[in-house]
Amino acid sequence: MIYLEASLRVVPGKMKELMEVFEKEYLPVSNELGRKLVAQWTTTIGTLDEVVDLWAYEDLAHMQRFNEARAKSPAFAKASEHLRALIAYEEVRLMVPTPLSEMK
């Protein structure tokens, strides 16, 4: 497995709206296209207005298939547009678990 960590800085005052758009629009279409959210957190200390998502892929080929499918999906484009309007900054990292990780 490989994991994509997406750290989203939410526009101040828009956290509730972002979470609603994520749950009702973005997550369902992401699942339909073959991507799985394995964890999501918000910060309570440190950087404020931040959401961190952890997405799982079987391998790079799986991630590529998802990227190709999302590029062709009007539903994903619409959900992404709604979500992007609520995000001030995004940082994405691709991570691979070490032998010590419980997540394989």
Protein backbone atom coordinates (compact mmCIF):
# COMPACT_ATOMS: atom_id res chain seq x y z
CA MET A 1 0.00 0.00 0.00
CA ILE A 2 0.94 3.61 -0.51
CA TYR A 3 -0.67 6.58 1.15
CA LEU A 4 -1.40 10.11 0.03
CA GLU A 5 -1.45 12.67 2.81
CA ALA A 6 -3.30 15.86 1.97
CA SER A 7 -2.99 18.74 4.42
CA LEU A 8 -5.65 21.38 3.78
CA ARG A 9 -5.60 24.87 5.28
CA VAL A 10 -9.23 25.87 5.36
CA VAL A 11 -10.36 29.43 4.74
CA PRO A 12 -11.04 30.84 8.24
CA GLY A 13 -14.69 30.44 9.20
CA LYS A 14 -15.34 27.80 6.50
CA MET A 15 -14.50 24.56 8.35
CA LYS A 16 -18.12 23.46 8.82
CA GLU A 17 -18.93 24.12 5.15
CA LEU A 18 -15.78 22.32 3.99
CA MET A 19 -16.64 19.24 6.05
CA GLU A 20 -20.18 19.20 4.63
CA VAL A 21 -18.94 19.46 1.03
CA PHE A 22 -16.31 16.81 1.72
CA GLU A 23 -18.82 14.36 3.21
CA LYS A 24 -21.71 14.91 0.80
CA GLU A 25 -19.92 15.54 -2.51
CA TYR A 26 -16.17 14.86 -2.55
CA LEU A 27 -15.94 11.63 -0.56
CA PRO A 28 -18.74 9.75 -2.37
CA VAL A 29 -17.34 10.49 -5.82
CA SER A 30 -13.79 9.67 -4.66
CA ASN A 31 -15.05 6.30 -3.38
CA GLU A 32 -16.91 5.62 -6.64
CA LEU A 33 -13.71 6.23 -8.59
CA GLY A 34 -11.77 3.75 -6.43
CA ARG A 35 -10.02 5.81 -3.77
CA LYS A 36 -10.35 5.05 -0.05
CA LEU A 37 -10.12 7.54 2.80
CA VAL A 38 -8.46 5.72 5.71
CA ALA A 39 -8.16 8.63 8.15
CA GLN A 40 -9.05 12.28 8.55
CA TRP A 41 -8.07 14.67 11.31
CA THR A 42 -8.52 18.32 12.23
CA THR A 43 -6.03 20.25 14.33
CA THR A 44 -6.86 21.48 17.82
CA ILE A 45 -3.40 22.80 18.74
CA GLY A 46 -0.86 24.26 16.33
CA THR A 47 -1.90 25.31 12.86
CA LEU A 48 -5.54 26.31 13.05
CA ASP A 49 -8.19 25.60 10.42
CA GLU A 50 -6.38 22.52 9.13
CA VAL A 51 -7.73 19.17 7.91
CA VAL A 52 -5.41 16.26 7.16
CA ASP A 53 -6.67 13.42 4.96
CA LEU A 54 -4.96 10.07 4.47
CA TRP A 55 -5.92 8.22 1.28
CA ALA A 56 -4.89 4.61 0.53
CA TYR A 57 -3.89 3.13 -2.81
CA GLU A 58 -2.79 -0.42 -3.57
CA ASP A 59 0.22 0.89 -5.52
CA LEU A 60 1.26 3.62 -7.98
CA ALA A 61 -0.73 1.97 -10.77
CA HIS A 62 -3.90 2.17 -8.64
CA MET A 63 -3.23 5.86 -7.98
CA GLN A 64 -2.71 6.44 -11.70
CA ARG A 65 -6.01 4.70 -12.55
CA PHE A 66 -7.79 6.91 -10.03
CA ASN A 67 -6.14 10.05 -11.46
CA GLU A 68 -7.20 9.08 -14.98
CA ALA A 69 -10.78 8.37 -13.86
CA ARG A 70 -11.08 11.64 -11.93
CA ALA A 71 -9.83 13.62 -14.93
CA LYS A 72 -12.80 12.26 -16.92
CA SER A 73 -15.43 12.67 -14.19
CA PRO A 74 -17.73 15.72 -14.29
CA ALA A 75 -18.96 14.82 -10.78
CA PHE A 76 -15.40 14.87 -9.43
CA ALA A 77 -14.70 18.19 -11.16
CA LYS A 78 -17.80 19.74 -9.60
CA ALA A 79 -17.04 18.41 -6.10
CA SER A 80 -13.41 19.54 -6.39
CA GLU A 81 -14.47 23.02 -7.46
CA HIS A 82 -16.74 23.34 -4.41
CA LEU A 83 -13.99 22.08 -2.11
CA ARG A 84 -11.20 24.25 -3.59
CA ALA A 85 -13.25 27.40 -2.94
CA LEU A 86 -12.96 26.61 0.79
CA ILE A 87 -9.22 25.81 0.85
CA ALA A 88 -6.59 28.51 1.31
CA TYR A 89 -3.58 26.20 0.85
CA GLU A 90 -2.97 22.51 0.21
CA GLU A 91 0.11 20.35 0.62
CA VAL A 92 0.20 16.75 -0.60
CA ARG A 93 2.75 14.03 0.16
CA LEU A 94 3.03 10.45 -1.09
CA MET A 95 4.11 8.11 1.70
CA VAL A 96 5.18 4.46 1.87
CA PRO A 97 5.00 2.60 5.21
CA THR A 98 8.15 1.33 6.90
CA PRO A 99 8.41 -2.20 8.30
CA LEU A 100 7.54 -0.76 11.75
CA SER A 101 4.24 0.70 10.61
CA GLU A 102 1.01 -1.04 11.56
CA MET A 103 -0.41 0.23 8.27
CA LYS A 104 0.99 -1.88 5.45
